[in-house]
N, C-alpha and C. Protein backbone atom coordinates (compact mmCIF):
# COMPACT_ATOMS: atom_id res chain seq x y z
N UNK A 1 -16.42 17.23 -9.98
CA UNK A 1 -16.86 16.05 -9.49
C UNK A 1 -15.69 15.17 -9.74
N UNK A 2 -15.12 14.36 -8.44
CA UNK A 2 -13.94 13.23 -8.56
C UNK A 2 -14.58 12.25 -9.16
N UNK A 3 -13.51 11.57 -9.83
CA UNK A 3 -13.70 10.30 -10.63
C UNK A 3 -12.57 9.42 -10.73
N UNK A 4 -12.56 8.13 -10.27
CA UNK A 4 -11.69 7.35 -10.13
C UNK A 4 -11.36 6.72 -11.77
N UNK A 5 -10.09 6.90 -12.10
CA UNK A 5 -9.71 6.50 -13.36
C UNK A 5 -9.34 4.95 -13.75
N UNK A 6 -9.12 4.19 -12.67
CA UNK A 6 -8.98 2.73 -12.67
C UNK A 6 -7.40 2.61 -12.73
N UNK A 7 -6.60 3.76 -12.84
CA UNK A 7 -5.16 3.57 -13.07
C UNK A 7 -4.36 4.11 -11.73
N UNK A 8 -4.92 3.79 -10.57
CA UNK A 8 -4.26 4.23 -9.33
C UNK A 8 -4.44 5.57 -8.84
N UNK A 9 -5.10 6.35 -9.54
CA UNK A 9 -5.35 7.79 -9.20
C UNK A 9 -6.59 8.38 -9.56
N UNK A 10 -7.04 9.68 -8.80
CA UNK A 10 -8.43 10.00 -8.95
C UNK A 10 -8.30 11.34 -9.65
N UNK A 11 -9.19 11.72 -10.64
CA UNK A 11 -9.22 12.88 -11.35
C UNK A 11 -10.20 13.73 -10.76
N UNK A 12 -9.72 14.98 -10.19
CA UNK A 12 -10.57 15.90 -9.58
C UNK A 12 -10.58 15.88 -8.08
N UNK A 13 -10.92 16.75 -7.32
CA UNK A 13 -11.17 16.85 -5.87
C UNK A 13 -12.45 16.47 -5.31
N UNK A 14 -12.33 15.65 -4.26
CA UNK A 14 -13.41 15.29 -3.46
C UNK A 14 -13.79 16.55 -2.63
N UNK A 15 -15.12 17.13 -2.89
CA UNK A 15 -15.59 18.18 -2.14
C UNK A 15 -16.29 18.13 -0.94
N UNK A 16 -16.39 18.84 -0.03
CA UNK A 16 -17.11 18.88 1.18
C UNK A 16 -16.61 17.78 2.25
N UNK A 17 -15.49 17.26 1.95
CA UNK A 17 -14.84 16.25 2.82
C UNK A 17 -13.43 16.58 3.22
N UNK A 18 -13.02 16.11 4.41
CA UNK A 18 -11.43 16.33 4.86
C UNK A 18 -11.17 14.81 5.60
N UNK A 19 -9.96 14.59 5.89
CA UNK A 19 -9.40 13.57 6.43
C UNK A 19 -8.28 13.97 7.63
N UNK A 20 -8.31 13.09 8.44
CA UNK A 20 -7.08 13.16 9.42
C UNK A 20 -6.61 11.80 9.90
N UNK A 21 -5.19 11.77 10.43
CA UNK A 21 -4.82 10.47 10.98
C UNK A 21 -5.13 10.33 12.45
N UNK A 22 -5.88 9.44 12.75
CA UNK A 22 -6.25 8.98 14.11
C UNK A 22 -5.02 8.68 15.00
N UNK A 23 -5.25 8.44 16.40
CA UNK A 23 -4.36 7.82 17.14
C UNK A 23 -3.78 6.65 16.90
N UNK A 24 -4.73 5.74 16.37
CA UNK A 24 -4.26 4.32 15.92
C UNK A 24 -3.51 4.21 14.65
N UNK A 25 -3.37 5.48 13.92
CA UNK A 25 -2.58 5.41 12.82
C UNK A 25 -3.56 5.51 11.45
N UNK A 26 -4.85 5.17 11.57
CA UNK A 26 -5.78 5.00 10.58
C UNK A 26 -6.21 6.21 9.98
N UNK A 27 -6.59 6.48 8.72
CA UNK A 27 -7.08 7.73 8.33
C UNK A 27 -8.57 7.73 8.29
N UNK A 28 -9.11 8.75 8.85
CA UNK A 28 -10.44 8.67 8.95
C UNK A 28 -10.78 10.04 8.20
N UNK A 29 -12.24 9.77 7.48
CA UNK A 29 -12.78 10.69 6.35
C UNK A 29 -14.10 11.26 7.21
N UNK A 30 -14.06 12.82 7.05
CA UNK A 30 -15.04 13.38 7.94
C UNK A 30 -15.87 14.42 6.88
N UNK A 31 -17.07 14.51 7.01
CA UNK A 31 -18.07 15.28 6.28
C UNK A 31 -17.71 16.81 6.64
N UNK A 32 -17.43 17.57 5.93
CA UNK A 32 -17.14 18.89 6.40
C UNK A 32 -18.27 19.89 6.78
N UNK A 33 -19.60 19.44 6.45
CA UNK A 33 -20.67 20.26 6.55
C UNK A 33 -21.18 19.77 7.94
N UNK A 34 -21.26 18.77 8.28
CA UNK A 34 -21.80 18.36 9.75
C UNK A 34 -20.57 17.95 10.67
N UNK A 35 -19.63 17.67 10.24
CA UNK A 35 -18.64 17.07 11.16
C UNK A 35 -18.58 15.68 11.56
N UNK A 36 -19.74 14.93 10.82
CA UNK A 36 -19.60 13.45 11.20
C UNK A 36 -18.53 12.65 10.47
N UNK A 37 -18.23 11.81 11.17
CA UNK A 37 -17.19 10.76 10.76
C UNK A 37 -17.95 9.93 9.87
N UNK A 38 -17.18 9.74 8.53
CA UNK A 38 -17.79 8.88 7.36
C UNK A 38 -17.27 7.45 7.16
N UNK A 39 -15.91 7.38 7.21
CA UNK A 39 -15.21 6.31 7.04
C UNK A 39 -14.03 6.08 7.73
N UNK A 40 -13.30 4.93 7.76
CA UNK A 40 -12.01 4.63 8.31
C UNK A 40 -11.12 3.83 7.48
N UNK A 41 -10.00 4.23 7.03
CA UNK A 41 -9.31 3.45 6.14
C UNK A 41 -8.25 2.54 6.98
N UNK A 42 -8.25 1.19 6.72
CA UNK A 42 -7.54 0.33 7.72
C UNK A 42 -6.53 -0.30 6.72
N UNK A 43 -6.53 -0.08 5.47
CA UNK A 43 -5.41 -0.61 4.54
C UNK A 43 -4.21 -0.08 4.37
N UNK A 44 -4.07 1.07 5.08
CA UNK A 44 -2.88 1.86 5.14
C UNK A 44 -2.85 2.90 3.96
N UNK A 45 -2.24 4.14 4.42
CA UNK A 45 -2.26 5.32 3.41
C UNK A 45 -3.45 5.99 3.57
N UNK A 46 -3.50 7.23 3.03
CA UNK A 46 -4.49 8.07 2.98
C UNK A 46 -5.54 8.12 1.94
N UNK A 47 -6.80 8.43 2.09
CA UNK A 47 -7.65 8.61 1.17
C UNK A 47 -7.27 9.44 -0.12
N UNK A 48 -7.42 8.97 -1.39
CA UNK A 48 -6.92 9.80 -2.50
C UNK A 48 -7.84 10.86 -2.74
N UNK A 49 -7.48 11.88 -2.98
CA UNK A 49 -8.47 13.24 -3.33
C UNK A 49 -8.97 13.92 -2.34
N UNK A 50 -8.85 13.52 -1.21
CA UNK A 50 -9.46 14.22 -0.21
C UNK A 50 -8.53 14.90 0.93
N UNK A 51 -8.90 16.31 0.99
CA UNK A 51 -8.01 17.27 1.74
C UNK A 51 -7.79 16.63 3.21
N UNK A 52 -6.37 17.08 3.64
CA UNK A 52 -6.05 16.56 4.98
C UNK A 52 -6.18 17.80 5.86
N UNK A 53 -6.83 17.60 7.23
CA UNK A 53 -6.91 18.78 8.11
C UNK A 53 -5.33 18.77 8.71
N UNK A 54 -5.43 20.14 9.23
CA UNK A 54 -4.04 20.33 9.96
C UNK A 54 -4.14 20.09 11.69
């Protein structure tokens, strides 16, 4: 189970999720089981602890 530490990093991996960078430059989080989009990060950078799709 992934847990935020409050010190700018996450301990553990986020399971059953992946992320990719959309055409507009934002990172989008996807549910690995259903393939549905979950969230889009607009503040820059990628989601912490979520694996990246190739």
